């Protein structure tokens, strides 16, 4: 696994959590090459190796200039594919190219709505900051939200609200983690990170803004914890008393 950064998902995870995932991968025989990038893929009909380069001039020297491989899986992020609408009259956001909508997913063109991961909209829990959400749950929810208007019904009175979600599963290992909300503020960890059973809450201005739960029991084995996490983040739980909680389930009980 080749990573341009000095750890796994450092923009999302605090160092201790990133370190856990790196150690877990290593225990399964996965070599993590950090602060490096792929400069070329070699092979005739199929990939046979990748050439490596330092991620930046300040990156440490590489221990190997190439890695043999049978398959290359590229994960470099994504931007909205909105080029088709560049001259359509729809307002596009300069930073990411997303189609700009209001909180009801209406564009600047009368009677035109936009949905899915191509839109830039006010994201729940970010103080009306705009964002693009590239997740299937948002694609489905936003389409359902405007469908009533598209078939002639009135515009929903409540603004579209979507709690950002990221997740990953490695079923053979039992590994599953879910992240809700935004990684803004101070991180408070509950549980034993090294054991693989833990939660982390991001607290800003006295309220929970985001949360992560990780398990090695599989998604169904931690269903209660995942639901508790969603509710705590969605409610923007007050942070008072969180230090006394040893689990996100206990934090959920504070809401009642």
C-alpha atoms as a PDB file:
ATOM      1  CA  UNK A   1       0.000   0.000   0.000  1.00  0.00           C
ATOM      2  CA  UNK A   2       1.624   3.232  -1.181  1.00  0.00           C
ATOM      3  CA  UNK A   3       0.592   6.420   0.619  1.00  0.00           C
ATOM      4  CA  UNK A   4       1.655   9.985  -0.144  1.00  0.00           C
ATOM      5  CA  UNK A   5       1.177  10.919   3.507  1.00  0.00           C
ATOM      6  CA  UNK A   6       3.025   9.862   6.625  1.00  0.00           C
ATOM      7  CA  UNK A   7       0.164   7.634   7.796  1.00  0.00           C
ATOM      8  CA  UNK A   8      -3.156   6.105   6.788  1.00  0.00           C
ATOM      9  CA  UNK A   9      -5.926   8.668   6.257  1.00  0.00           C
ATOM     10  CA  UNK A  10      -4.214  11.335   8.388  1.00  0.00           C
ATOM     11  CA  UNK A  11      -6.737  14.007   7.336  1.00  0.00           C
ATOM     12  CA  UNK A  12      -9.517  11.964   8.934  1.00  0.00           C
ATOM     13  CA  UNK A  13      -7.947   9.950  11.742  1.00  0.00           C
ATOM     14  CA  UNK A  14      -5.937  11.172  14.739  1.00  0.00           C
ATOM     15  CA  UNK A  15      -2.389   9.686  14.921  1.00  0.00           C
ATOM     16  CA  UNK A  16      -3.284   6.894  17.384  1.00  0.00           C
ATOM     17  CA  UNK A  17      -6.125   5.655  15.173  1.00  0.00           C
ATOM     18  CA  UNK A  18      -4.065   5.943  12.001  1.00  0.00           C
ATOM     19  CA  UNK A  19      -1.327   3.965  13.755  1.00  0.00           C
ATOM     20  CA  UNK A  20      -3.785   1.217  14.696  1.00  0.00           C
ATOM     21  CA  UNK A  21      -4.844   0.727  11.079  1.00  0.00           C
ATOM     22  CA  UNK A  22      -1.250   0.691   9.901  1.00  0.00           C
ATOM     23  CA  UNK A  23      -0.351  -1.946  12.509  1.00  0.00           C
ATOM     24  CA  UNK A  24      -3.421  -4.016  11.598  1.00  0.00           C
ATOM     25  CA  UNK A  25      -2.522  -3.991   7.922  1.00  0.00           C
ATOM     26  CA  UNK A  26       1.069  -4.940   8.754  1.00  0.00           C
ATOM     27  CA  UNK A  27      -0.150  -7.870  10.877  1.00  0.00           C
ATOM     28  CA  UNK A  28      -2.006  -9.160   7.810  1.00  0.00           C
ATOM     29  CA  UNK A  29       1.122  -9.027   5.673  1.00  0.00           C
ATOM     30  CA  UNK A  30       0.482  -5.665   4.015  1.00  0.00           C
ATOM     31  CA  UNK A  31       3.537  -3.437   3.623  1.00  0.00           C
ATOM     32  CA  UNK A  32       2.720   0.258   3.926  1.00  0.00           C
ATOM     33  CA  UNK A  33       5.094   2.539   1.999  1.00  0.00           C
ATOM     34  CA  UNK A  34       4.618   6.062   3.352  1.00  0.00           C
ATOM     35  CA  UNK A  35       5.507   9.477   1.924  1.00  0.00           C
ATOM     36  CA  UNK A  36       5.830   7.975  -1.559  1.00  0.00           C
ATOM     37  CA  UNK A  37       3.943   8.150  -4.831  1.00  0.00           C
ATOM     38  CA  UNK A  38       3.627   6.017  -7.936  1.00  0.00           C
ATOM     39  CA  UNK A  39       5.464   7.673 -10.807  1.00  0.00           C
ATOM     40  CA  UNK A  40       4.856   4.958 -13.415  1.00  0.00           C
ATOM     41  CA  UNK A  41       3.063   1.654 -13.929  1.00  0.00           C
ATOM     42  CA  UNK A  42       5.079  -0.865 -15.932  1.00  0.00           C
ATOM     43  CA  UNK A  43       4.006  -3.950 -17.841  1.00  0.00           C
ATOM     44  CA  UNK A  44       2.957  -4.939 -21.336  1.00  0.00           C
ATOM     45  CA  UNK A  45      -0.593  -6.262 -21.232  1.00  0.00           C
ATOM     46  CA  UNK A  46      -0.904  -6.283 -17.457  1.00  0.00           C
ATOM     47  CA  UNK A  47       0.768  -4.373 -14.658  1.00  0.00           C
ATOM     48  CA  UNK A  48       3.961  -6.048 -13.481  1.00  0.00           C
ATOM     49  CA  UNK A  49       5.473  -3.348 -11.276  1.00  0.00           C
ATOM     50  CA  UNK A  50       5.170   0.283 -10.204  1.00  0.00           C
ATOM     51  CA  UNK A  51       7.948   2.832 -10.045  1.00  0.00           C
ATOM     52  CA  UNK A  52       8.062   4.900  -6.870  1.00  0.00           C
ATOM     53  CA  UNK A  53       9.130   8.452  -6.182  1.00  0.00           C
ATOM     54  CA  UNK A  54       9.256  10.559  -3.036  1.00  0.00           C
ATOM     55  CA  UNK A  55       5.973  12.305  -2.327  1.00  0.00           C
ATOM     56  CA  UNK A  56       7.726  15.647  -1.829  1.00  0.00           C
ATOM     57  CA  UNK A  57      11.276  17.034  -1.680  1.00  0.00           C
ATOM     58  CA  UNK A  58      11.128  16.813   2.116  1.00  0.00           C
ATOM     59  CA  UNK A  59      10.112  13.128   2.128  1.00  0.00           C
ATOM     60  CA  UNK A  60      12.716  10.645   3.401  1.00  0.00           C
ATOM     61  CA  UNK A  61      14.690   8.566   0.872  1.00  0.00           C
ATOM     62  CA  UNK A  62      12.889   5.511  -0.449  1.00  0.00           C
ATOM     63  CA  UNK A  63      14.129   2.054   0.492  1.00  0.00           C
ATOM     64  CA  UNK A  64      12.993   0.685  -2.887  1.00  0.00           C
ATOM     65  CA  UNK A  65      12.555   2.318  -6.266  1.00  0.00           C
ATOM     66  CA  UNK A  66       9.986  -0.171  -7.544  1.00  0.00           C
ATOM     67  CA  UNK A  67       7.428  -2.693  -6.309  1.00  0.00           C
ATOM     68  CA  UNK A  68       6.339  -5.832  -8.193  1.00  0.00           C
ATOM     69  CA  UNK A  69       2.582  -6.213  -8.583  1.00  0.00           C
ATOM     70  CA  UNK A  70      -0.182  -8.086 -10.402  1.00  0.00           C
ATOM     71  CA  UNK A  71      -2.869  -5.435  -9.971  1.00  0.00           C
ATOM     72  CA  UNK A  72      -2.896  -1.682  -9.348  1.00  0.00           C
ATOM     73  CA  UNK A  73      -5.848  -0.113  -7.504  1.00  0.00           C
ATOM     74  CA  UNK A  74      -5.736   3.686  -7.671  1.00  0.00           C
ATOM     75  CA  UNK A  75      -7.356   5.828  -4.986  1.00  0.00           C
ATOM     76  CA  UNK A  76      -6.743   9.514  -5.638  1.00  0.00           C
ATOM     77  CA  UNK A  77     -10.057  11.125  -4.743  1.00  0.00           C
ATOM     78  CA  UNK A  78     -12.649  12.631  -7.061  1.00  0.00           C
ATOM     79  CA  UNK A  79     -14.116  15.926  -8.207  1.00  0.00           C
ATOM     80  CA  UNK A  80     -17.652  16.517  -9.522  1.00  0.00           C
ATOM     81  CA  UNK A  81     -18.003  15.741 -13.226  1.00  0.00           C
ATOM     82  CA  UNK A  82     -19.839  18.985 -13.985  1.00  0.00           C
ATOM     83  CA  UNK A  83     -18.056  19.994 -17.185  1.00  0.00           C
ATOM     84  CA  UNK A  84     -21.230  19.296 -19.169  1.00  0.00           C
ATOM     85  CA  UNK A  85     -22.920  22.179 -17.339  1.00  0.00           C
ATOM     86  CA  UNK A  86     -20.081  24.700 -17.685  1.00  0.00           C
ATOM     87  CA  UNK A  87     -22.014  26.838 -20.214  1.00  0.00           C
ATOM     88  CA  UNK A  88     -25.537  25.846 -19.208  1.00  0.00           C
ATOM     89  CA  UNK A  89     -26.331  28.831 -17.032  1.00  0.00           C
ATOM     90  CA  UNK A  90     -26.124  26.777 -13.841  1.00  0.00           C
ATOM     91  CA  UNK A  91     -23.906  28.264 -11.162  1.00  0.00           C
ATOM     92  CA  UNK A  92     -20.845  26.140 -10.454  1.00  0.00           C
ATOM     93  CA  UNK A  93     -18.643  26.492  -7.399  1.00  0.00           C
ATOM     94  CA  UNK A  94     -15.159  27.548  -8.341  1.00  0.00           C
ATOM     95  CA  UNK A  95     -13.306  25.497  -5.722  1.00  0.00           C
ATOM     96  CA  UNK A  96     -14.652  22.081  -6.650  1.00  0.00           C
ATOM     97  CA  UNK A  97     -16.892  22.577  -9.663  1.00  0.00           C
ATOM     98  CA  UNK A  98     -20.030  21.353  -7.909  1.00  0.00           C
ATOM     99  CA  UNK A  99     -23.431  22.600  -9.078  1.00  0.00           C
ATOM    100  CA  UNK A 100     -24.505  25.178  -6.486  1.00  0.00           C
ATOM    101  CA  UNK A 101     -27.873  24.561  -4.825  1.00  0.00           C
ATOM    102  CA  UNK A 102     -29.730  26.067  -1.910  1.00  0.00           C
ATOM    103  CA  UNK A 103     -30.839  24.093   1.131  1.00  0.00           C
ATOM    104  CA  UNK A 104     -33.801  22.751  -0.871  1.00  0.00           C
ATOM    105  CA  UNK A 105     -31.465  21.555  -3.660  1.00  0.00           C
ATOM    106  CA  UNK A 106     -32.719  24.204  -6.075  1.00  0.00           C
ATOM    107  CA  UNK A 107     -30.213  25.666  -8.533  1.00  0.00           C
ATOM    108  CA  UNK A 108     -30.049  29.284  -9.691  1.00  0.00           C
ATOM    109  CA  UNK A 109     -32.136  28.312 -12.755  1.00  0.00           C
ATOM    110  CA  UNK A 110     -35.880  28.316 -12.127  1.00  0.00           C
ATOM    111  CA  UNK A 111     -37.450  24.838 -11.801  1.00  0.00           C
ATOM    112  CA  UNK A 112     -34.079  23.084 -12.077  1.00  0.00           C
ATOM    113  CA  UNK A 113     -32.906  20.913  -9.190  1.00  0.00           C
ATOM    114  CA  UNK A 114     -29.634  19.059  -8.779  1.00  0.00           C
ATOM    115  CA  UNK A 115     -28.902  15.970  -6.683  1.00  0.00           C
ATOM    116  CA  UNK A 116     -26.146  13.515  -5.880  1.00  0.00           C
ATOM    117  CA  UNK A 117     -22.389  13.859  -5.657  1.00  0.00           C
ATOM    118  CA  UNK A 118     -22.238  16.543  -8.354  1.00  0.00           C
ATOM    119  CA  UNK A 119     -23.820  19.245  -6.166  1.00  0.00           C
ATOM    120  CA  UNK A 120     -22.413  21.736  -3.677  1.00  0.00           C
ATOM    121  CA  UNK A 121     -24.954  22.333  -0.916  1.00  0.00           C
ATOM    122  CA  UNK A 122     -25.140  23.555   2.710  1.00  0.00           C
ATOM    123  CA  UNK A 123     -23.939  20.538   4.685  1.00  0.00           C
ATOM    124  CA  UNK A 124     -25.558  19.689   8.005  1.00  0.00           C
ATOM    125  CA  UNK A 125     -23.428  20.524  11.023  1.00  0.00           C
ATOM    126  CA  UNK A 126     -20.978  22.822   9.228  1.00  0.00           C
ATOM    127  CA  UNK A 127     -22.534  26.196  10.094  1.00  0.00           C
ATOM    128  CA  UNK A 128     -24.004  26.535   6.595  1.00  0.00           C
ATOM    129  CA  UNK A 129     -20.671  25.824   4.925  1.00  0.00           C
ATOM    130  CA  UNK A 130     -21.038  24.276   1.509  1.00  0.00           C
ATOM    131  CA  UNK A 131     -19.671  20.918   0.500  1.00  0.00           C
ATOM    132  CA  UNK A 132     -19.750  18.066  -1.994  1.00  0.00           C
ATOM    133  CA  UNK A 133     -20.620  14.632  -0.631  1.00  0.00           C
ATOM    134  CA  UNK A 134     -19.535  11.666  -2.736  1.00  0.00           C
ATOM    135  CA  UNK A 135     -21.499   8.885  -1.089  1.00  0.00           C
ATOM    136  CA  UNK A 136     -24.295   6.656  -2.311  1.00  0.00           C
ATOM    137  CA  UNK A 137     -26.455   7.405   0.743  1.00  0.00           C
ATOM    138  CA  UNK A 138     -26.448  11.096  -0.182  1.00  0.00           C
ATOM    139  CA  UNK A 139     -27.173  10.312  -3.845  1.00  0.00           C
ATOM    140  CA  UNK A 140     -30.240   8.315  -2.833  1.00  0.00           C
ATOM    141  CA  UNK A 141     -31.461  10.677  -0.117  1.00  0.00           C
ATOM    142  CA  UNK A 142     -31.125  13.838  -2.199  1.00  0.00           C
ATOM    143  CA  UNK A 143     -32.982  12.234  -5.123  1.00  0.00           C
ATOM    144  CA  UNK A 144     -35.796  11.123  -2.821  1.00  0.00           C
ATOM    145  CA  UNK A 145     -35.981  14.618  -1.323  1.00  0.00           C
ATOM    146  CA  UNK A 146     -36.610  16.408  -4.623  1.00  0.00           C
ATOM    147  CA  UNK A 147     -38.631  13.657  -6.311  1.00  0.00           C
ATOM    148  CA  UNK A 148     -41.858  15.079  -4.894  1.00  0.00           C
ATOM    149  CA  UNK A 149     -41.178  18.427  -6.546  1.00  0.00           C
ATOM    150  CA  UNK A 150     -40.109  16.819  -9.815  1.00  0.00           C
ATOM    151  CA  UNK A 151     -43.461  15.047 -10.132  1.00  0.00           C
ATOM    152  CA  UNK A 152     -45.435  18.178  -9.401  1.00  0.00           C
ATOM    153  CA  UNK A 153     -45.750  18.221  -5.648  1.00  0.00           C
ATOM    154  CA  UNK A 154     -44.776  21.228  -3.562  1.00  0.00           C
ATOM    155  CA  UNK A 155     -41.240  21.992  -2.407  1.00  0.00           C
ATOM    156  CA  UNK A 156     -40.585  20.302   0.957  1.00  0.00           C
ATOM    157  CA  UNK A 157     -40.842  22.827   3.774  1.00  0.00           C
ATOM    158  CA  UNK A 158     -37.858  21.409   5.666  1.00  0.00           C
ATOM    159  CA  UNK A 159     -34.384  21.937   4.161  1.00  0.00           C
ATOM    160  CA  UNK A 160     -32.450  18.916   2.948  1.00  0.00           C
ATOM    161  CA  UNK A 161     -30.373  17.509   5.778  1.00  0.00           C
ATOM    162  CA  UNK A 162     -27.675  14.933   5.270  1.00  0.00           C
ATOM    163  CA  UNK A 163     -25.285  13.736   7.943  1.00  0.00           C
ATOM    164  CA  UNK A 164     -22.002  12.915   6.147  1.00  0.00           C
ATOM    165  CA  UNK A 165     -21.032   9.250   6.313  1.00  0.00           C
ATOM    166  CA  UNK A 166     -17.821   7.386   5.534  1.00  0.00           C
ATOM    167  CA  UNK A 167     -17.319   3.698   6.169  1.00  0.00           C
ATOM    168  CA  UNK A 168     -15.155   0.741   5.291  1.00  0.00           C
ATOM    169  CA  UNK A 169     -15.365  -3.012   5.785  1.00  0.00           C
ATOM    170  CA  UNK A 170     -12.843  -5.817   5.450  1.00  0.00           C
ATOM    171  CA  UNK A 171     -15.164  -8.732   6.094  1.00  0.00           C
ATOM    172  CA  UNK A 172     -12.562 -11.551   6.359  1.00  0.00           C
ATOM    173  CA  UNK A 173     -10.947  -9.666   9.246  1.00  0.00           C
ATOM    174  CA  UNK A 174     -14.216  -8.588  10.857  1.00  0.00           C
ATOM    175  CA  UNK A 175     -13.026  -5.015  10.485  1.00  0.00           C
ATOM    176  CA  UNK A 176     -15.662  -2.322  10.094  1.00  0.00           C
ATOM    177  CA  UNK A 177     -15.558   1.381  10.834  1.00  0.00           C
ATOM    178  CA  UNK A 178     -18.015   4.200  10.294  1.00  0.00           C
ATOM    179  CA  UNK A 179     -17.520   7.928  10.542  1.00  0.00           C
ATOM    180  CA  UNK A 180     -20.380  10.425  10.811  1.00  0.00           C
ATOM    181  CA  UNK A 181     -20.238  14.199  10.656  1.00  0.00           C
ATOM    182  CA  UNK A 182     -17.096  16.310  10.482  1.00  0.00           C
ATOM    183  CA  UNK A 183     -13.598  15.873  11.899  1.00  0.00           C
ATOM    184  CA  UNK A 184     -13.488  19.327  13.434  1.00  0.00           C
ATOM    185  CA  UNK A 185     -12.295  20.169  16.928  1.00  0.00           C
ATOM    186  CA  UNK A 186     -10.731  18.210  19.771  1.00  0.00           C
ATOM    187  CA  UNK A 187     -10.716  14.404  19.599  1.00  0.00           C
ATOM    188  CA  UNK A 188     -11.876  12.324  22.549  1.00  0.00           C
ATOM    189  CA  UNK A 189     -11.188   8.584  22.322  1.00  0.00           C
ATOM    190  CA  UNK A 190     -13.259   5.958  24.126  1.00  0.00           C
ATOM    191  CA  UNK A 191     -12.124   2.373  24.488  1.00  0.00           C
ATOM    192  CA  UNK A 192      -8.825   0.658  23.702  1.00  0.00           C
ATOM    193  CA  UNK A 193      -7.504   1.663  20.282  1.00  0.00           C
ATOM    194  CA  UNK A 194      -4.982  -1.197  20.200  1.00  0.00           C
ATOM    195  CA  UNK A 195      -7.773  -3.758  20.660  1.00  0.00           C
ATOM    196  CA  UNK A 196      -9.655  -2.520  17.611  1.00  0.00           C
ATOM    197  CA  UNK A 197     -12.793  -1.811  19.663  1.00  0.00           C
ATOM    198  CA  UNK A 198     -13.014   1.940  20.159  1.00  0.00           C
ATOM    199  CA  UNK A 199     -14.832   5.164  19.373  1.00  0.00           C
ATOM    200  CA  UNK A 200     -13.637   8.727  18.850  1.00  0.00           C
ATOM    201  CA  UNK A 201     -15.705  11.902  19.075  1.00  0.00           C
ATOM    202  CA  UNK A 202     -14.738  15.277  17.614  1.00  0.00           C
ATOM    203  CA  UNK A 203     -15.858  18.132  19.877  1.00  0.00           C
ATOM    204  CA  UNK A 204     -15.997  21.782  18.857  1.00  0.00           C
ATOM    205  CA  UNK A 205     -17.454  24.654  20.855  1.00  0.00           C
ATOM    206  CA  UNK A 206     -18.830  22.263  23.445  1.00  0.00           C
ATOM    207  CA  UNK A 207     -20.721  19.995  21.060  1.00  0.00           C
ATOM    208  CA  UNK A 208     -20.006  16.775  19.197  1.00  0.00           C
ATOM    209  CA  UNK A 209     -19.340  17.522  15.521  1.00  0.00           C
ATOM    210  CA  UNK A 210     -18.195  14.112  14.313  1.00  0.00           C
ATOM    211  CA  UNK A 211     -17.641  10.564  15.448  1.00  0.00           C
ATOM    212  CA  UNK A 212     -15.922   7.310  14.547  1.00  0.00           C
ATOM    213  CA  UNK A 213     -16.527   3.775  15.737  1.00  0.00           C
ATOM    214  CA  UNK A 214     -14.286   0.860  14.858  1.00  0.00           C
ATOM    215  CA  UNK A 215     -14.797  -2.833  15.524  1.00  0.00           C
ATOM    216  CA  UNK A 216     -13.293  -6.210  14.702  1.00  0.00           C
ATOM    217  CA  UNK A 217     -16.627  -7.934  15.392  1.00  0.00           C
ATOM    218  CA  UNK A 218     -18.139  -7.158  12.014  1.00  0.00           C
ATOM    219  CA  UNK A 219     -20.847  -4.629  11.201  1.00  0.00           C
ATOM    220  CA  UNK A 220     -23.684  -6.622  12.736  1.00  0.00           C
ATOM    221  CA  UNK A 221     -21.639  -7.388  15.825  1.00  0.00           C
ATOM    222  CA  UNK A 222     -21.404  -3.679  16.614  1.00  0.00           C
ATOM    223  CA  UNK A 223     -24.856  -2.589  15.395  1.00  0.00           C
ATOM    224  CA  UNK A 224     -25.724  -0.993  18.747  1.00  0.00           C
ATOM    225  CA  UNK A 225     -22.518   1.046  18.801  1.00  0.00           C
ATOM    226  CA  UNK A 226     -22.935   2.225  15.206  1.00  0.00           C
ATOM    227  CA  UNK A 227     -26.495   3.379  15.832  1.00  0.00           C
ATOM    228  CA  UNK A 228     -25.452   5.114  19.057  1.00  0.00           C
ATOM    229  CA  UNK A 229     -22.688   6.903  17.183  1.00  0.00           C
ATOM    230  CA  UNK A 230     -25.079   8.175  14.512  1.00  0.00           C
ATOM    231  CA  UNK A 231     -27.526   9.490  17.090  1.00  0.00           C
ATOM    232  CA  UNK A 232     -24.853  11.217  19.189  1.00  0.00           C
ATOM    233  CA  UNK A 233     -23.390  13.019  16.175  1.00  0.00           C
ATOM    234  CA  UNK A 234     -26.740  13.857  14.626  1.00  0.00           C
ATOM    235  CA  UNK A 235     -27.936  15.380  17.896  1.00  0.00           C
ATOM    236  CA  UNK A 236     -24.782  17.472  18.271  1.00  0.00           C
ATOM    237  CA  UNK A 237     -24.551  16.151  21.815  1.00  0.00           C
ATOM    238  CA  UNK A 238     -23.298  18.502  24.501  1.00  0.00           C
ATOM    239  CA  UNK A 239     -19.765  17.510  25.414  1.00  0.00           C
ATOM    240  CA  UNK A 240     -20.262  17.888  29.173  1.00  0.00           C
ATOM    241  CA  UNK A 241     -19.868  14.473  30.789  1.00  0.00           C
ATOM    242  CA  UNK A 242     -18.244  12.753  27.803  1.00  0.00           C
ATOM    243  CA  UNK A 243     -15.008  12.292  29.724  1.00  0.00           C
ATOM    244  CA  UNK A 244     -16.892   9.989  32.098  1.00  0.00           C
ATOM    245  CA  UNK A 245     -18.155   7.774  29.248  1.00  0.00           C
ATOM    246  CA  UNK A 246     -16.202   4.657  28.363  1.00  0.00           C
ATOM    247  CA  UNK A 247     -18.228   3.904  25.220  1.00  0.00           C
ATOM    248  CA  UNK A 248     -20.348   5.641  22.622  1.00  0.00           C
ATOM    249  CA  UNK A 249     -23.335   3.677  23.936  1.00  0.00           C
ATOM    250  CA  UNK A 250     -22.917   5.450  27.282  1.00  0.00           C
ATOM    251  CA  UNK A 251     -22.669   8.761  25.425  1.00  0.00           C
ATOM    252  CA  UNK A 252     -25.928   7.916  23.668  1.00  0.00           C
ATOM    253  CA  UNK A 253     -27.613   7.343  27.042  1.00  0.00           C
ATOM    254  CA  UNK A 254     -26.770  10.931  27.979  1.00  0.00           C
ATOM    255  CA  UNK A 255     -29.159  12.167  25.296  1.00  0.00           C
ATOM    256  CA  UNK A 256     -32.217  10.792  27.106  1.00  0.00           C
END
